[in-house]
Every structure is written in structure tokens, then in C-alpha cells.
C-alpha atoms as a PDB file:
ATOM      1  CA  MET A   1     -41.063  -7.913 -20.778  1.00  0.00           C
ATOM      2  CA  LYS A   2     -40.795  -9.197 -17.190  1.00  0.00           C
ATOM      3  CA  LYS A   3     -38.490 -11.968 -18.390  1.00  0.00           C
ATOM      4  CA  VAL A   4     -36.150  -9.417 -19.998  1.00  0.00           C
ATOM      5  CA  VAL A   5     -35.965  -7.388 -16.796  1.00  0.00           C
ATOM      6  CA  LEU A   6     -35.437 -10.538 -14.758  1.00  0.00           C
ATOM      7  CA  LEU A   7     -32.698 -11.711 -17.146  1.00  0.00           C
ATOM      8  CA  ALA A   8     -31.042  -8.256 -17.011  1.00  0.00           C
ATOM      9  CA  CYS A   9     -31.075  -8.335 -13.211  1.00  0.00           C
ATOM     10  CA  ALA A  10     -29.671 -11.855 -13.224  1.00  0.00           C
ATOM     11  CA  ALA A  11     -26.901 -10.791 -15.604  1.00  0.00           C
ATOM     12  CA  LEU A  12     -26.063  -7.678 -13.581  1.00  0.00           C
ATOM     13  CA  LEU A  13     -25.952  -9.468 -10.238  1.00  0.00           C
ATOM     14  CA  PRO A  14     -22.491 -11.017 -10.803  1.00  0.00           C
ATOM     15  CA  VAL A  15     -21.199  -7.646 -12.020  1.00  0.00           C
ATOM     16  CA  VAL A  16     -22.467  -5.927  -8.876  1.00  0.00           C
ATOM     17  CA  ILE A  17     -21.009  -8.655  -6.647  1.00  0.00           C
ATOM     18  CA  PHE A  18     -17.664  -8.458  -8.485  1.00  0.00           C
ATOM     19  CA  ALA A  19     -17.616  -4.649  -8.119  1.00  0.00           C
ATOM     20  CA  ASN A  20     -18.359  -4.967  -4.413  1.00  0.00           C
ATOM     21  CA  VAL A  21     -15.555  -7.508  -3.882  1.00  0.00           C
ATOM     22  CA  TRP A  22     -13.164  -5.401  -5.948  1.00  0.00           C
ATOM     23  CA  GLN A  23     -13.975  -2.269  -3.914  1.00  0.00           C
ATOM     24  CA  ALA A  24     -13.524  -4.184  -0.638  1.00  0.00           C
ATOM     25  CA  ALA A  25     -10.122  -5.466  -1.751  1.00  0.00           C
ATOM     26  CA  ARG A  26      -9.111  -1.985  -2.912  1.00  0.00           C
ATOM     27  CA  TYR A  27     -10.255  -0.504   0.409  1.00  0.00           C
ATOM     28  CA  ALA A  28      -8.258  -3.069   2.389  1.00  0.00           C
ATOM     29  CA  ARG A  29      -5.134  -2.389   0.310  1.00  0.00           C
ATOM     30  CA  LEU A  30      -5.465   1.381   0.718  1.00  0.00           C
ATOM     31  CA  LYS A  31      -6.126   1.010   4.455  1.00  0.00           C
ATOM     32  CA  ASP A  32      -2.922  -1.040   4.833  1.00  0.00           C
ATOM     33  CA  GLU A  33      -1.006   1.563   2.841  1.00  0.00           C
ATOM     34  CA  VAL A  34      -2.326   4.401   5.021  1.00  0.00           C
ATOM     35  CA  GLU A  35      -1.402   2.510   8.205  1.00  0.00           C
ATOM     36  CA  SER A  36       2.072   1.854   6.828  1.00  0.00           C
ATOM     37  CA  LYS A  37       2.546   5.517   5.963  1.00  0.00           C
ATOM     38  CA  ALA A  38       1.296   6.513   9.429  1.00  0.00           C
ATOM     39  CA  GLN A  39       3.931   4.262  11.012  1.00  0.00           C
ATOM     40  CA  VAL A  40       6.644   5.796   8.827  1.00  0.00           C
ATOM     41  CA  GLN A  41       5.429   9.265   9.765  1.00  0.00           C
ATOM     42  CA  ALA A  42       5.537   8.363  13.466  1.00  0.00           C
ATOM     43  CA  GLN A  43       9.108   7.117  13.052  1.00  0.00           C
ATOM     44  CA  TRP A  44      10.139  10.348  11.300  1.00  0.00           C
ATOM     45  CA  LEU A  45       8.502  12.437  14.034  1.00  0.00           C
ATOM     46  CA  GLU A  46      10.304  10.475  16.734  1.00  0.00           C
ATOM     47  CA  GLN A  47      13.631  10.848  14.935  1.00  0.00           C
ATOM     48  CA  ASN A  48      12.952  14.556  14.478  1.00  0.00           C
ATOM     49  CA  LYS A  49      12.331  14.922  18.226  1.00  0.00           C
ATOM     50  CA  ARG A  50      15.603  13.140  18.994  1.00  0.00           C
ATOM     51  CA  LEU A  51      17.507  15.367  16.566  1.00  0.00           C
ATOM     52  CA  ILE A  52      15.990  18.546  18.012  1.00  0.00           C
ATOM     53  CA  THR A  53      16.903  17.402  21.516  1.00  0.00           C
ATOM     54  CA  GLY A  54      20.439  16.588  20.382  1.00  0.00           C
ATOM     55  CA  LEU A  55      20.747  19.970  18.721  1.00  0.00           C
ATOM     56  CA  ALA A  56      19.613  21.728  21.884  1.00  0.00           C
ATOM     57  CA  VAL A  57      22.189  19.829  23.932  1.00  0.00           C
ATOM     58  CA  LEU A  58      25.017  20.440  21.461  1.00  0.00           C
ATOM     59  CA  SER A  59      24.292  24.140  21.035  1.00  0.00           C
ATOM     60  CA  SER A  60      23.870  25.014  24.703  1.00  0.00           C
ATOM     61  CA  PRO A  61      26.006  28.025  25.657  1.00  0.00           C
ATOM     62  CA  ASP A  62      27.448  26.249  28.715  1.00  0.00           C
ATOM     63  CA  ARG A  63      28.643  23.317  26.608  1.00  0.00           C
ATOM     64  CA  ILE A  64      30.155  25.591  23.958  1.00  0.00           C
ATOM     65  CA  GLU A  65      31.955  27.673  26.581  1.00  0.00           C
ATOM     66  CA  LYS A  66      33.322  24.573  28.310  1.00  0.00           C
ATOM     67  CA  LEU A  67      34.456  23.124  24.978  1.00  0.00           C
ATOM     68  CA  ALA A  68      36.169  26.387  23.999  1.00  0.00           C
ATOM     69  CA  ARG A  69      37.897  26.657  27.352  1.00  0.00           C
ATOM     70  CA  ASP A  70      38.929  23.018  27.879  1.00  0.00           C
ATOM     71  CA  GLU A  71      39.439  21.746  24.337  1.00  0.00           C
ATOM     72  CA  PHE A  72      40.699  24.828  22.499  1.00  0.00           C
ATOM     73  CA  LYS A  73      42.211  26.749  25.434  1.00  0.00           C
ATOM     74  CA  LEU A  74      40.179  29.859  24.621  1.00  0.00           C
ATOM     75  CA  GLU A  75      39.000  32.382  27.158  1.00  0.00           C
ATOM     76  CA  ARG A  76      36.456  35.146  27.221  1.00  0.00           C
ATOM     77  CA  ALA A  77      37.671  38.485  25.903  1.00  0.00           C
ATOM     78  CA  ARG A  78      38.218  41.066  28.592  1.00  0.00           C
ATOM     79  CA  PRO A  79      36.956  44.601  28.024  1.00  0.00           C
ATOM     80  CA  GLU A  80      40.507  45.991  28.255  1.00  0.00           C
ATOM     81  CA  ASN A  81      41.591  43.686  25.419  1.00  0.00           C
ATOM     82  CA  SER A  82      38.889  44.708  22.985  1.00  0.00           C
ATOM     83  CA  ARG A  83      38.601  47.645  20.635  1.00  0.00           C
ATOM     84  CA  THR A  84      35.534  49.317  19.207  1.00  0.00           C
ATOM     85  CA  VAL A  85      35.696  50.436  15.608  1.00  0.00           C
ATOM     86  CA  GLU A  86      33.151  52.884  14.298  1.00  0.00           C
ATOM     87  CA  PHE A  87      32.585  53.705  10.665  1.00  0.00           C
ATOM     88  CA  SER A  88      31.052  56.962   9.638  1.00  0.00           C
ATOM     89  CA  LYS A  89      28.896  57.104   6.579  1.00  0.00           C
ATOM     90  CA  THR A  90      29.826  59.833   4.161  1.00  0.00           C
ATOM     91  CA  GLY A  91      27.896  61.091   1.166  1.00  0.00           C
ATOM     92  CA  ASP A  92      30.899  60.657  -1.138  1.00  0.00           C
ATOM     93  CA  GLN A  93      31.041  57.156  -2.653  1.00  0.00           C
ATOM     94  CA  ASN A  94      34.394  57.707  -4.448  1.00  0.00           C
ATOM     95  CA  GLY A  95      36.525  57.839  -1.368  1.00  0.00           C
END
């Protein structure tokens, strides 16, 4: 009976070693993949920061006003040149 157990252990030893090597290789591959994805994520975050900064610069009120004035020859509306229109709500929907 001891020989059978010893033979079983001897037969299982290569299987256990193979499983260990396979798991180590799988771990290394997954670790590389995670590091690669982390680098891609860092690049996307950096690009996102640059885009947000660019958007803030492009949408600043001072820049838009200067562009409207210098490029399109527009000027701010004066109160005497504007009209206020008020609509009253009536209960009759047919006119």
C-alpha cells in the first residue's frame, strides 16, 4: 500500500510542478497586461487634462468677447437698442 501511495505522489509531482509553472507564466502575462493598461489609462488621463485646459482657455468670456469684437466686428448691445417682449399666458389654447 505504501508503494502505491509513493507511486501516486511521484506521478502527481510533475503535474503539480507543471501547474505551478503554468500559473506563474499566467500571472506574469496578466501582470504585464495590467501594467500596459495602466499606462494607457495614464495617457488618456493626461490627454483629458490637456483637453479640459484647452476647453477652459477657448471658452473664456474674455477670449470670446475679444474674438467677437476684433474678428467679427460685433459689439455689446446697449440697453437703448434692446427690446423686452413679454408673453402672457391665456387659458384659451385656440387663439
